[in-house]
Amino acid sequence: YPHDEPFFLHHLKRNGAAFIFIWREDLGDQVLSRFIARELGIWHNLTAEKVAGRTLQAPIAWLKKAAGFISRAETDMLDHLCDYPAKVVIRYEDLFENGILTERFRNAFRRIVGIDLPHGICAIAQNSACKRDIIENYDEAVAAIRPLTESRRVRMESWITN
């Protein structure tokens, strides 16, 4: 049944795996990032130079459908992990600060895994290209997803690992 815990997840939990569940508060930004990456074929380190002035018309129906799938998948996974102690639930926005893993994440990781990640680990280059410059109907796209984004934020914040 679709609502049953997946077999592999059950196997991992039974063997004491630690889970790190990262969710992105701005669902509209997440869906637009996915759309841009899919259309331009650039999945990491998106810069204005790589975009080279190209613009895209975002398909609103596709964005809403993708946002719904993401939201349902997150809910299902968190339901499966609700009573499982070895997990960190954190917002993407709280994971890095200036490209470095935050102290908050490192503390949560240490608590469930017992490993102290050194300060300064995992420097990343976040996308620097502005989605508003790429998506021709940016305001319409964000507005279409906003109702799902707001209801999801309230639900997700109750899961955040302190």
N, C-alpha and C. Protein backbone atom coordinates (compact mmCIF):
# COMPACT_ATOMS: atom_id res chain seq x y z
N TYR A 1 0.83 -1.19 0.00
CA TYR A 1 0.00 0.00 0.00
C TYR A 1 0.87 1.25 0.00
N PRO A 2 0.43 2.31 -0.64
CA PRO A 2 1.26 3.53 -0.71
C PRO A 2 1.60 4.12 0.65
N HIS A 3 0.74 3.94 1.63
CA HIS A 3 0.98 4.54 2.94
C HIS A 3 1.88 3.68 3.84
N ASP A 4 2.16 2.45 3.44
CA ASP A 4 3.03 1.58 4.23
C ASP A 4 4.48 2.04 4.16
N GLU A 5 5.20 1.76 5.22
CA GLU A 5 6.62 2.09 5.24
C GLU A 5 7.34 1.26 4.18
N PRO A 6 8.16 1.90 3.36
CA PRO A 6 8.92 1.15 2.35
C PRO A 6 9.83 0.11 3.02
N PHE A 7 9.99 -1.02 2.36
CA PHE A 7 10.76 -2.13 2.91
C PHE A 7 12.19 -1.69 3.25
N PHE A 8 12.84 -0.98 2.33
CA PHE A 8 14.23 -0.60 2.56
C PHE A 8 14.35 0.36 3.75
N LEU A 9 13.41 1.27 3.90
CA LEU A 9 13.41 2.17 5.05
C LEU A 9 13.26 1.36 6.34
N HIS A 10 12.37 0.40 6.34
CA HIS A 10 12.18 -0.47 7.50
C HIS A 10 13.49 -1.21 7.82
N HIS A 11 14.15 -1.70 6.79
CA HIS A 11 15.43 -2.40 6.96
C HIS A 11 16.49 -1.47 7.58
N LEU A 12 16.58 -0.26 7.05
CA LEU A 12 17.57 0.70 7.58
C LEU A 12 17.29 1.03 9.04
N LYS A 13 16.03 1.28 9.36
CA LYS A 13 15.67 1.58 10.75
C LYS A 13 15.98 0.40 11.67
N ARG A 14 15.66 -0.79 11.23
CA ARG A 14 15.90 -1.99 12.03
C ARG A 14 17.40 -2.15 12.31
N ASN A 15 18.24 -1.67 11.42
CA ASN A 15 19.69 -1.76 11.58
C ASN A 15 20.32 -0.51 12.18
N GLY A 16 19.49 0.41 12.69
CA GLY A 16 19.99 1.56 13.43
C GLY A 16 20.59 2.68 12.59
N ALA A 17 20.18 2.79 11.35
CA ALA A 17 20.71 3.87 10.49
C ALA A 17 20.29 5.24 11.04
N ALA A 18 21.14 6.20 10.85
CA ALA A 18 20.82 7.58 11.19
C ALA A 18 20.28 8.26 9.93
N PHE A 19 19.25 9.09 10.09
CA PHE A 19 18.64 9.79 8.97
C PHE A 19 18.80 11.28 9.14
N ILE A 20 19.15 11.92 8.06
CA ILE A 20 19.20 13.38 8.02
C ILE A 20 18.18 13.81 7.00
N PHE A 21 17.14 14.47 7.48
CA PHE A 21 16.04 14.91 6.63
C PHE A 21 16.17 16.41 6.46
N ILE A 22 16.49 16.83 5.25
CA ILE A 22 16.68 18.25 4.95
C ILE A 22 15.50 18.71 4.11
N TRP A 23 14.79 19.73 4.60
CA TRP A 23 13.67 20.27 3.83
C TRP A 23 13.93 21.75 3.58
N ARG A 24 13.42 22.22 2.50
CA ARG A 24 13.63 23.61 2.10
C ARG A 24 12.38 24.41 2.41
N GLU A 25 12.54 25.44 3.23
CA GLU A 25 11.37 26.23 3.64
C GLU A 25 10.66 26.86 2.45
N ASP A 26 11.42 27.39 1.53
CA ASP A 26 10.83 28.05 0.38
C ASP A 26 10.54 27.03 -0.71
N LEU A 27 9.36 26.44 -0.64
CA LEU A 27 8.97 25.41 -1.60
C LEU A 27 8.94 25.96 -3.02
N GLY A 28 8.50 27.19 -3.19
CA GLY A 28 8.50 27.80 -4.52
C GLY A 28 9.90 27.87 -5.09
N ASP A 29 10.85 28.27 -4.28
CA ASP A 29 12.24 28.35 -4.72
C ASP A 29 12.78 26.96 -5.07
N GLN A 30 12.41 25.96 -4.27
CA GLN A 30 12.84 24.59 -4.52
C GLN A 30 12.30 24.08 -5.86
N VAL A 31 11.02 24.30 -6.11
CA VAL A 31 10.41 23.82 -7.34
C VAL A 31 10.96 24.57 -8.55
N LEU A 32 11.16 25.87 -8.40
CA LEU A 32 11.74 26.65 -9.50
C LEU A 32 13.18 26.22 -9.77
N SER A 33 13.94 25.92 -8.72
CA SER A 33 15.31 25.43 -8.91
C SER A 33 15.31 24.14 -9.70
N ARG A 34 14.40 23.25 -9.35
CA ARG A 34 14.30 21.98 -10.07
C ARG A 34 13.94 22.21 -11.53
N PHE A 35 12.98 23.09 -11.77
CA PHE A 35 12.56 23.39 -13.14
C PHE A 35 13.71 23.98 -13.96
N ILE A 36 14.41 24.95 -13.38
CA ILE A 36 15.53 25.59 -14.07
C ILE A 36 16.62 24.56 -14.37
N ALA A 37 16.97 23.76 -13.38
CA ALA A 37 18.02 22.74 -13.57
C ALA A 37 17.64 21.78 -14.69
N ARG A 38 16.39 21.35 -14.68
CA ARG A 38 15.92 20.41 -15.69
C ARG A 38 15.96 21.02 -17.09
N GLU A 39 15.55 22.25 -17.20
CA GLU A 39 15.48 22.92 -18.50
C GLU A 39 16.86 23.31 -19.03
N LEU A 40 17.72 23.80 -18.14
CA LEU A 40 19.04 24.28 -18.58
C LEU A 40 20.12 23.20 -18.49
N GLY A 41 19.82 22.12 -17.77
CA GLY A 41 20.81 21.05 -17.61
C GLY A 41 21.94 21.44 -16.67
N ILE A 42 21.70 22.42 -15.81
CA ILE A 42 22.71 22.88 -14.85
C ILE A 42 22.15 22.61 -13.46
N TRP A 43 22.68 21.60 -12.80
CA TRP A 43 22.13 21.16 -11.52
C TRP A 43 22.86 21.72 -10.31
N HIS A 44 24.05 22.27 -10.47
CA HIS A 44 24.82 22.79 -9.34
C HIS A 44 25.54 24.06 -9.75
N ASN A 45 25.77 24.93 -8.76
CA ASN A 45 26.54 26.14 -8.97
C ASN A 45 26.04 26.94 -10.17
N LEU A 46 24.76 27.23 -10.17
CA LEU A 46 24.14 28.02 -11.24
C LEU A 46 24.57 29.48 -11.09
N THR A 47 25.22 30.00 -12.12
CA THR A 47 25.67 31.40 -12.11
C THR A 47 25.05 32.14 -13.29
N ALA A 48 25.08 33.45 -13.22
CA ALA A 48 24.56 34.26 -14.33
C ALA A 48 25.33 33.96 -15.61
N GLU A 49 26.61 33.70 -15.50
CA GLU A 49 27.41 33.39 -16.68
C GLU A 49 26.95 32.09 -17.34
N LYS A 50 26.62 31.09 -16.54
CA LYS A 50 26.15 29.82 -17.08
C LYS A 50 24.75 29.95 -17.69
N VAL A 51 23.94 30.82 -17.13
CA VAL A 51 22.59 31.04 -17.67
C VAL A 51 22.68 31.78 -19.00
N ALA A 52 23.64 32.66 -19.12
CA ALA A 52 23.93 33.40 -20.36
C ALA A 52 22.71 34.14 -20.91
N GLY A 53 21.93 34.73 -20.01
CA GLY A 53 20.80 35.55 -20.45
C GLY A 53 19.55 34.79 -20.86
N ARG A 54 19.61 33.46 -20.81
CA ARG A 54 18.42 32.68 -21.19
C ARG A 54 17.31 32.89 -20.17
N THR A 55 16.08 32.89 -20.65
CA THR A 55 14.93 32.98 -19.76
C THR A 55 13.96 31.84 -20.07
N LEU A 56 13.13 31.55 -19.10
CA LEU A 56 12.18 30.44 -19.22
C LEU A 56 10.79 30.87 -18.77
N GLN A 57 9.79 30.30 -19.39
CA GLN A 57 8.40 30.48 -18.97
C GLN A 57 8.05 29.25 -18.14
N ALA A 58 7.82 29.44 -16.84
CA ALA A 58 7.55 28.31 -15.95
C ALA A 58 6.11 27.83 -16.14
N PRO A 59 5.92 26.53 -16.34
CA PRO A 59 4.57 25.98 -16.48
C PRO A 59 3.91 25.84 -15.10
N ILE A 60 2.93 26.67 -14.84
CA ILE A 60 2.31 26.76 -13.52
C ILE A 60 1.74 25.41 -13.08
N ALA A 61 1.03 24.72 -13.96
CA ALA A 61 0.43 23.43 -13.58
C ALA A 61 1.51 22.44 -13.18
N TRP A 62 2.64 22.39 -13.90
CA TRP A 62 3.73 21.48 -13.57
C TRP A 62 4.33 21.85 -12.21
N LEU A 63 4.52 23.14 -11.96
CA LEU A 63 5.09 23.59 -10.69
C LEU A 63 4.20 23.18 -9.52
N LYS A 64 2.90 23.39 -9.66
CA LYS A 64 1.96 23.04 -8.59
C LYS A 64 1.96 21.52 -8.35
N LYS A 65 2.01 20.76 -9.41
CA LYS A 65 2.04 19.30 -9.28
C LYS A 65 3.33 18.86 -8.58
N ALA A 66 4.46 19.40 -9.00
CA ALA A 66 5.75 19.06 -8.39
C ALA A 66 5.76 19.45 -6.91
N ALA A 67 5.24 20.62 -6.59
CA ALA A 67 5.18 21.08 -5.19
C ALA A 67 4.32 20.13 -4.36
N GLY A 68 3.22 19.68 -4.91
CA GLY A 68 2.36 18.73 -4.21
C GLY A 68 3.06 17.41 -3.96
N PHE A 69 3.79 16.91 -4.97
CA PHE A 69 4.53 15.66 -4.81
C PHE A 69 5.59 15.78 -3.71
N ILE A 70 6.31 16.89 -3.71
CA ILE A 70 7.35 17.11 -2.71
C ILE A 70 6.74 17.14 -1.32
N SER A 71 5.66 17.89 -1.18
CA SER A 71 5.02 18.03 0.12
C SER A 71 4.49 16.69 0.64
N ARG A 72 3.86 15.91 -0.22
CA ARG A 72 3.34 14.61 0.20
C ARG A 72 4.48 13.64 0.55
N ALA A 73 5.55 13.66 -0.24
CA ALA A 73 6.69 12.78 0.04
C ALA A 73 7.32 13.13 1.39
N GLU A 74 7.46 14.42 1.68
CA GLU A 74 8.01 14.84 2.96
C GLU A 74 7.13 14.37 4.11
N THR A 75 5.83 14.56 3.97
CA THR A 75 4.90 14.15 5.02
C THR A 75 4.98 12.65 5.26
N ASP A 76 4.98 11.87 4.18
CA ASP A 76 5.07 10.42 4.32
C ASP A 76 6.36 10.02 5.03
N MET A 77 7.48 10.57 4.61
CA MET A 77 8.76 10.19 5.21
C MET A 77 8.79 10.56 6.70
N LEU A 78 8.32 11.75 7.03
CA LEU A 78 8.33 12.16 8.43
C LEU A 78 7.37 11.32 9.26
N ASP A 79 6.26 10.90 8.68
CA ASP A 79 5.36 9.99 9.40
C ASP A 79 6.06 8.68 9.70
N HIS A 80 6.86 8.19 8.75
CA HIS A 80 7.59 6.94 8.96
C HIS A 80 8.72 7.10 9.98
N LEU A 81 9.20 8.31 10.15
CA LEU A 81 10.31 8.56 11.08
C LEU A 81 9.87 9.15 12.41
N CYS A 82 8.56 9.36 12.60
CA CYS A 82 8.09 10.12 13.76
C CYS A 82 8.59 9.58 15.10
N ASP A 83 8.60 8.29 15.28
CA ASP A 83 9.04 7.71 16.56
C ASP A 83 10.48 7.19 16.52
N TYR A 84 11.16 7.47 15.45
CA TYR A 84 12.52 6.97 15.29
C TYR A 84 13.50 7.99 15.88
N PRO A 85 14.32 7.59 16.84
CA PRO A 85 15.15 8.58 17.53
C PRO A 85 16.38 9.07 16.77
N ALA A 86 16.96 8.26 15.89
CA ALA A 86 18.23 8.62 15.24
C ALA A 86 17.98 9.40 13.96
N LYS A 87 17.47 10.62 14.14
CA LYS A 87 17.20 11.46 12.98
C LYS A 87 17.48 12.92 13.32
N VAL A 88 17.84 13.64 12.27
CA VAL A 88 17.96 15.10 12.33
C VAL A 88 17.01 15.63 11.27
N VAL A 89 16.14 16.53 11.67
CA VAL A 89 15.25 17.20 10.73
C VAL A 89 15.65 18.66 10.75
N ILE A 90 16.07 19.16 9.60
CA ILE A 90 16.59 20.54 9.56
C ILE A 90 16.21 21.20 8.24
N ARG A 91 16.00 22.50 8.33
CA ARG A 91 15.72 23.28 7.12
C ARG A 91 17.02 23.47 6.34
N TYR A 92 16.91 23.41 5.02
CA TYR A 92 18.06 23.68 4.15
C TYR A 92 18.66 25.04 4.50
N GLU A 93 17.79 25.99 4.80
CA GLU A 93 18.23 27.36 5.11
C GLU A 93 19.04 27.42 6.41
N ASP A 94 18.92 26.41 7.27
CA ASP A 94 19.67 26.36 8.53
C ASP A 94 20.88 25.43 8.48
N LEU A 95 21.09 24.81 7.34
CA LEU A 95 22.16 23.82 7.21
C LEU A 95 23.53 24.47 7.02
N PHE A 96 23.58 25.51 6.21
CA PHE A 96 24.83 26.20 5.90
C PHE A 96 24.77 27.66 6.28
N GLU A 97 25.90 28.18 6.63
CA GLU A 97 26.07 29.62 6.82
C GLU A 97 27.38 30.00 6.15
N ASN A 98 27.30 30.84 5.13
CA ASN A 98 28.47 31.22 4.35
C ASN A 98 29.18 29.99 3.77
N GLY A 99 28.40 28.99 3.35
CA GLY A 99 28.95 27.81 2.72
C GLY A 99 29.53 26.77 3.68
N ILE A 100 29.38 26.98 4.96
CA ILE A 100 29.94 26.09 5.99
C ILE A 100 28.79 25.49 6.80
N LEU A 101 28.90 24.20 7.16
CA LEU A 101 27.87 23.59 8.00
C LEU A 101 27.73 24.37 9.30
N THR A 102 26.49 24.63 9.70
CA THR A 102 26.24 25.42 10.91
C THR A 102 26.53 24.61 12.17
N GLU A 103 26.76 25.33 13.23
CA GLU A 103 26.97 24.71 14.54
C GLU A 103 25.71 23.93 14.95
N ARG A 104 24.56 24.47 14.64
CA ARG A 104 23.29 23.81 14.96
C ARG A 104 23.23 22.41 14.33
N PHE A 105 23.57 22.33 13.05
CA PHE A 105 23.55 21.02 12.39
C PHE A 105 24.63 20.11 12.96
N ARG A 106 25.82 20.64 13.14
CA ARG A 106 26.92 19.82 13.65
C ARG A 106 26.58 19.24 15.02
N ASN A 107 25.93 20.03 15.88
CA ASN A 107 25.52 19.54 17.21
C ASN A 107 24.48 18.43 17.09
N ALA A 108 23.49 18.62 16.21
CA ALA A 108 22.46 17.60 16.02
C ALA A 108 23.07 16.32 15.45
N PHE A 109 23.98 16.47 14.51
CA PHE A 109 24.67 15.32 13.92
C PHE A 109 25.46 14.56 14.98
N ARG A 110 26.18 15.30 15.81
CA ARG A 110 26.98 14.70 16.89
C ARG A 110 26.07 13.93 17.84
N ARG A 111 24.89 14.50 18.14
CA ARG A 111 23.96 13.87 19.07
C ARG A 111 23.46 12.51 18.56
N ILE A 112 23.17 12.39 17.26
CA ILE A 112 22.61 11.12 16.77
C ILE A 112 23.66 10.14 16.26
N VAL A 113 24.81 10.63 15.80
CA VAL A 113 25.82 9.75 15.20
C VAL A 113 27.02 9.56 16.11
N GLY A 114 27.27 10.54 16.98
CA GLY A 114 28.42 10.43 17.86
C GLY A 114 29.72 10.85 17.21
N ILE A 115 29.62 11.54 16.10
CA ILE A 115 30.82 12.02 15.40
C ILE A 115 30.81 13.54 15.41
N ASP A 116 31.94 14.11 15.79
CA ASP A 116 32.07 15.56 15.83
C ASP A 116 32.67 16.03 14.51
N LEU A 117 31.84 16.63 13.66
CA LEU A 117 32.33 17.15 12.38
C LEU A 117 33.16 18.40 12.66
N PRO A 118 34.32 18.50 12.07
CA PRO A 118 35.16 19.68 12.32
C PRO A 118 34.53 20.95 11.76
N HIS A 119 34.79 22.05 12.42
CA HIS A 119 34.29 23.35 11.95
C HIS A 119 34.90 23.65 10.58
N GLY A 120 34.10 24.20 9.71
CA GLY A 120 34.58 24.58 8.38
C GLY A 120 34.42 23.50 7.34
N ILE A 121 33.82 22.37 7.70
CA ILE A 121 33.67 21.27 6.74
C ILE A 121 32.51 21.55 5.77
N CYS A 122 32.64 21.00 4.61
CA CYS A 122 31.58 21.01 3.59
C CYS A 122 31.29 22.38 3.00
N ALA A 123 32.31 23.12 2.71
CA ALA A 123 32.10 24.39 2.04
C ALA A 123 31.45 24.13 0.69
N ILE A 124 30.40 24.85 0.38
CA ILE A 124 29.70 24.68 -0.89
C ILE A 124 29.54 26.02 -1.58
N ALA A 125 29.36 25.95 -2.86
CA ALA A 125 29.07 27.16 -3.63
C ALA A 125 27.58 27.12 -3.97
N GLN A 126 26.81 27.96 -3.31
CA GLN A 126 25.38 28.00 -3.58
C GLN A 126 25.14 28.75 -4.88
N ASN A 127 24.00 28.47 -5.50
CA ASN A 127 23.66 29.13 -6.76
C ASN A 127 23.63 30.64 -6.57
N SER A 128 24.21 31.34 -7.51
CA SER A 128 24.24 32.80 -7.41
C SER A 128 23.32 33.48 -8.43
N ALA A 129 22.82 32.73 -9.41
CA ALA A 129 21.92 33.31 -10.40
C ALA A 129 20.56 33.56 -9.76
N CYS A 130 19.98 34.69 -10.07
CA CYS A 130 18.69 35.09 -9.51
C CYS A 130 17.55 34.46 -10.32
N LYS A 131 16.70 33.71 -9.64
CA LYS A 131 15.59 33.04 -10.33
C LYS A 131 14.65 34.04 -11.00
N ARG A 132 14.48 35.19 -10.38
CA ARG A 132 13.61 36.23 -10.94
C ARG A 132 14.12 36.68 -12.32
N ASP A 133 15.43 36.62 -12.53
CA ASP A 133 16.00 37.00 -13.83
C ASP A 133 15.85 35.91 -14.87
N ILE A 134 15.62 34.67 -14.43
CA ILE A 134 15.52 33.53 -15.35
C ILE A 134 14.06 33.21 -15.69
N ILE A 135 13.20 33.27 -14.69
CA ILE A 135 11.80 32.89 -14.86
C ILE A 135 10.98 34.11 -15.25
N GLU A 136 10.47 34.11 -16.47
CA GLU A 136 9.72 35.25 -17.00
C GLU A 136 8.45 35.52 -16.19
N ASN A 137 7.79 34.48 -15.74
CA ASN A 137 6.54 34.63 -14.96
C ASN A 137 6.79 34.30 -13.49
N TYR A 138 7.88 34.79 -12.95
CA TYR A 138 8.31 34.49 -11.59
C TYR A 138 7.23 34.79 -10.55
N ASP A 139 6.67 35.99 -10.57
CA ASP A 139 5.67 36.37 -9.57
C ASP A 139 4.45 35.46 -9.64
N GLU A 140 4.00 35.15 -10.83
CA GLU A 140 2.85 34.25 -11.01
C GLU A 140 3.18 32.86 -10.47
N ALA A 141 4.37 32.37 -10.74
CA ALA A 141 4.77 31.04 -10.31
C ALA A 141 4.82 30.95 -8.79
N VAL A 142 5.43 31.93 -8.16
CA VAL A 142 5.54 31.93 -6.70
C VAL A 142 4.15 32.06 -6.06
N ALA A 143 3.31 32.90 -6.62
CA ALA A 143 1.96 33.08 -6.09
C ALA A 143 1.15 31.80 -6.20
N ALA A 144 1.34 31.05 -7.26
CA ALA A 144 0.58 29.80 -7.46
C ALA A 144 0.94 28.75 -6.42
N ILE A 145 2.17 28.77 -5.95
CA ILE A 145 2.63 27.76 -4.98
C ILE A 145 2.46 28.24 -3.54
N ARG A 146 2.29 29.53 -3.33
CA ARG A 146 2.26 30.11 -1.99
C ARG A 146 1.29 29.42 -1.03
N PRO A 147 0.04 29.09 -1.41
CA PRO A 147 -0.85 28.44 -0.43
C PRO A 147 -0.29 27.13 0.11
N LEU A 148 0.29 26.31 -0.74
CA LEU A 148 0.88 25.05 -0.30
C LEU A 148 2.13 25.31 0.54
N THR A 149 2.91 26.32 0.16
CA THR A 149 4.13 26.66 0.89
C THR A 149 3.81 27.04 2.33
N GLU A 150 2.80 27.87 2.52
CA GLU A 150 2.49 28.36 3.87
C GLU A 150 1.94 27.27 4.76
N SER A 151 1.03 26.42 4.26
CA SER A 151 0.49 25.34 5.10
C SER A 151 1.58 24.31 5.41
N ARG A 152 2.44 24.06 4.46
CA ARG A 152 3.52 23.09 4.64
C ARG A 152 4.53 23.59 5.67
N ARG A 153 4.83 24.88 5.66
CA ARG A 153 5.82 25.44 6.58
C ARG A 153 5.41 25.19 8.03
N VAL A 154 4.14 25.41 8.34
CA VAL A 154 3.65 25.20 9.70
C VAL A 154 3.82 23.73 10.10
N ARG A 155 3.45 22.82 9.20
CA ARG A 155 3.55 21.38 9.48
C ARG A 155 5.02 20.97 9.66
N MET A 156 5.88 21.46 8.78
CA MET A 156 7.28 21.04 8.81
C MET A 156 8.02 21.60 10.03
N GLU A 157 7.73 22.80 10.43
CA GLU A 157 8.47 23.40 11.55
C GLU A 157 8.27 22.65 12.85
N SER A 158 7.16 21.91 12.96
CA SER A 158 6.94 21.11 14.17
C SER A 158 7.92 19.94 14.24
N TRP A 159 8.60 19.61 13.15
CA TRP A 159 9.53 18.48 13.09
C TRP A 159 10.98 18.90 13.30
N ILE A 160 11.29 20.17 13.21
CA ILE A 160 12.68 20.61 13.22
C ILE A 160 13.39 20.14 14.49
N THR A 161 14.56 19.57 14.31
CA THR A 161 15.39 19.10 15.42
C THR A 161 15.98 20.31 16.13
N ASN A 162 15.82 20.33 17.41
CA ASN A 162 16.39 21.45 18.20
C ASN A 162 17.81 21.15 18.61
